[in-house]
């Protein structure tokens, strides 16, 4: 997806990077109706889920799909998510998250979208995200309608 956002920048988005729990899943289970939406995005983008996988369910929930899973573990999860972003390519990526460990990933992505979902959103994400939305469905709608994305970000 090519984006030319007035007074903001030009981007060629190739990758979508999702946090898992709190962003596209609740208590380890994908939010109802969302799996199909995410799999459909694979037609136009490389879709990644970068997660600590707190509930150990992400691989099972996305088996037999083209979604790429990157599980991080250990201390300094925010740094590990940032490292994953740089392996994928920050200049061509939109990242989605809700937690404190997503702050660096969203800030360094071409576009970072913070999700204020049912599990809430870390307050530190407010300053790191380019856009804040009230649900993951709203976030995906922005990607599917690039004119809305442009209208939200233009200066």
Protein backbone atom coordinates (compact mmCIF):
# COMPACT_ATOMS: atom_id res chain seq x y z
CA UNK A 1 0.00 0.00 0.00
CA UNK A 2 1.45 3.33 -1.02
CA UNK A 3 0.63 6.28 1.18
CA UNK A 4 1.35 9.91 0.51
CA UNK A 5 0.29 11.75 3.63
CA UNK A 6 0.46 15.55 3.24
CA UNK A 7 3.04 17.12 5.58
CA UNK A 8 3.66 13.71 7.16
CA UNK A 9 5.48 11.51 4.67
CA UNK A 10 5.42 8.96 1.89
CA UNK A 11 5.32 5.28 2.74
CA UNK A 12 5.11 1.95 1.04
CA UNK A 13 3.53 -0.33 3.63
CA UNK A 14 4.32 -4.01 3.16
CA UNK A 15 4.06 -5.33 6.72
CA UNK A 16 1.47 -5.34 9.47
CA UNK A 17 2.78 -6.24 12.93
CA UNK A 18 0.32 -7.11 15.67
CA UNK A 19 0.82 -7.56 19.37
CA UNK A 20 -1.31 -10.48 20.55
CA UNK A 21 -2.84 -10.31 24.04
CA UNK A 22 -4.81 -7.13 24.61
CA UNK A 23 -4.57 -6.18 20.94
CA UNK A 24 -6.04 -9.03 18.88
CA UNK A 25 -6.70 -11.52 21.67
CA UNK A 26 -8.24 -11.54 25.12
CA UNK A 27 -6.95 -14.06 27.65
CA UNK A 28 -5.14 -15.91 24.88
CA UNK A 29 -8.11 -16.28 22.53
CA UNK A 30 -8.48 -14.31 19.30
CA UNK A 31 -11.29 -11.76 19.50
CA UNK A 32 -14.39 -13.17 17.83
CA UNK A 33 -14.51 -12.47 14.09
CA UNK A 34 -10.97 -11.11 13.96
CA UNK A 35 -8.99 -14.15 12.83
CA UNK A 36 -10.65 -14.14 9.43
CA UNK A 37 -10.03 -10.40 9.08
CA UNK A 38 -6.33 -10.80 9.88
CA UNK A 39 -5.91 -13.77 7.54
CA UNK A 40 -7.58 -11.74 4.74
CA UNK A 41 -4.96 -9.01 5.24
CA UNK A 42 -2.33 -11.58 4.18
CA UNK A 43 -3.50 -11.11 0.60
CA UNK A 44 -2.01 -7.61 0.53
CA UNK A 45 0.55 -7.57 3.36
CA UNK A 46 3.08 -9.66 5.23
CA UNK A 47 1.28 -10.15 8.53
CA UNK A 48 3.21 -10.81 11.73
CA UNK A 49 2.22 -11.39 15.32
CA UNK A 50 5.03 -10.47 17.72
CA UNK A 51 4.20 -11.60 21.23
CA UNK A 52 5.41 -12.95 24.53
CA UNK A 53 2.44 -15.34 24.17
CA UNK A 54 1.47 -15.19 27.84
CA UNK A 55 -1.19 -17.89 27.44
CA UNK A 56 0.80 -20.09 25.04
CA UNK A 57 -2.01 -20.13 22.47
CA UNK A 58 -0.93 -18.01 19.51
CA UNK A 59 0.57 -20.81 17.40
CA UNK A 60 -2.49 -23.01 17.85
CA UNK A 61 -4.88 -20.15 17.10
CA UNK A 62 -3.09 -19.26 13.85
CA UNK A 63 -2.01 -22.69 12.66
CA UNK A 64 -2.63 -23.36 8.97
CA UNK A 65 -2.68 -19.64 8.14
CA UNK A 66 -0.11 -17.46 6.35
CA UNK A 67 0.34 -15.29 9.47
CA UNK A 68 3.96 -15.30 10.67
CA UNK A 69 4.44 -15.75 14.43
CA UNK A 70 7.42 -14.35 16.36
CA UNK A 71 7.43 -15.32 20.02
CA UNK A 72 9.70 -13.29 22.25
CA UNK A 73 10.77 -14.38 25.69
CA UNK A 74 12.94 -13.14 28.48
CA UNK A 75 13.57 -9.81 30.07
CA UNK A 76 13.22 -6.53 28.20
CA UNK A 77 10.27 -7.52 26.01
CA UNK A 78 10.00 -3.99 24.61
CA UNK A 79 13.56 -4.24 23.29
CA UNK A 80 12.86 -7.69 21.82
CA UNK A 81 9.77 -6.40 20.02
CA UNK A 82 11.82 -3.50 18.68
CA UNK A 83 14.47 -5.95 17.47
CA UNK A 84 11.76 -7.97 15.70
CA UNK A 85 10.48 -4.79 14.05
CA UNK A 86 13.96 -3.94 12.74
CA UNK A 87 14.31 -7.49 11.35
CA UNK A 88 11.01 -7.03 9.50
CA UNK A 89 11.59 -3.43 8.36
CA UNK A 90 10.23 -0.46 10.31
CA UNK A 91 10.04 1.88 7.31
CA UNK A 92 7.51 -0.43 5.61
CA UNK A 93 5.48 -1.44 8.67
CA UNK A 94 2.34 -0.51 10.53
CA UNK A 95 2.42 -1.81 14.11
CA UNK A 96 -0.51 -2.35 16.45
CA UNK A 97 -0.35 -2.70 20.22
CA UNK A 98 -1.80 -1.83 23.60
CA UNK A 99 0.93 -2.54 26.14
CA UNK A 100 3.99 -0.92 27.61
CA UNK A 101 6.14 -3.47 25.81
CA UNK A 102 4.77 -2.14 22.48
CA UNK A 103 5.92 1.47 23.01
CA UNK A 104 9.23 1.29 21.10
CA UNK A 105 7.76 -0.86 18.32
CA UNK A 106 4.95 1.60 17.64
CA UNK A 107 7.20 4.64 17.89
CA UNK A 108 9.76 3.26 15.39
CA UNK A 109 7.26 1.89 12.86
CA UNK A 110 6.28 3.93 9.84
CA UNK A 111 2.87 4.14 11.51
CA UNK A 112 2.04 2.99 15.03
CA UNK A 113 -1.57 2.37 16.04
CA UNK A 114 -2.47 2.08 19.72
CA UNK A 115 -5.52 0.03 20.64
CA UNK A 116 -7.65 0.98 23.63
CA UNK A 117 -9.42 -2.37 23.92
CA UNK A 118 -11.18 -4.24 26.69
CA UNK A 119 -7.87 -4.85 28.46
CA UNK A 120 -7.03 -1.15 28.33
CA UNK A 121 -3.90 0.53 27.02
CA UNK A 122 -0.70 1.52 28.77
CA UNK A 123 -0.62 5.28 29.22
CA UNK A 124 2.96 5.43 27.91
CA UNK A 125 1.67 4.27 24.53
CA UNK A 126 -0.25 7.53 24.08
CA UNK A 127 2.91 9.47 23.21
CA UNK A 128 4.38 6.70 21.05
CA UNK A 129 1.45 5.91 18.77
CA UNK A 130 0.60 7.92 15.69
CA UNK A 131 -3.07 6.99 16.03
CA UNK A 132 -5.19 5.76 18.94
CA UNK A 133 -8.37 3.79 18.29
CA UNK A 134 -10.98 2.19 20.50
CA UNK A 135 -10.84 -1.29 18.95
CA UNK A 136 -8.73 -3.49 16.73
CA UNK A 137 -11.59 -3.51 14.23
CA UNK A 138 -11.29 0.28 13.94
CA UNK A 139 -7.55 -0.09 13.39
CA UNK A 140 -7.97 -2.68 10.64
CA UNK A 141 -10.64 -0.49 9.03
CA UNK A 142 -8.03 2.29 8.74
CA UNK A 143 -5.70 -0.10 6.90
CA UNK A 144 -8.49 -1.26 4.61
CA UNK A 145 -9.46 2.33 3.82
CA UNK A 146 -6.23 4.19 3.24
CA UNK A 147 -8.04 7.49 2.69
CA UNK A 148 -9.21 7.36 6.32
CA UNK A 149 -5.62 6.68 7.38
CA UNK A 150 -4.41 9.64 5.33
CA UNK A 151 -7.15 11.92 6.68
CA UNK A 152 -6.26 11.01 10.26
CA UNK A 153 -2.50 11.63 9.86
CA UNK A 154 -2.26 14.63 7.55
CA UNK A 155 -1.23 17.94 9.08
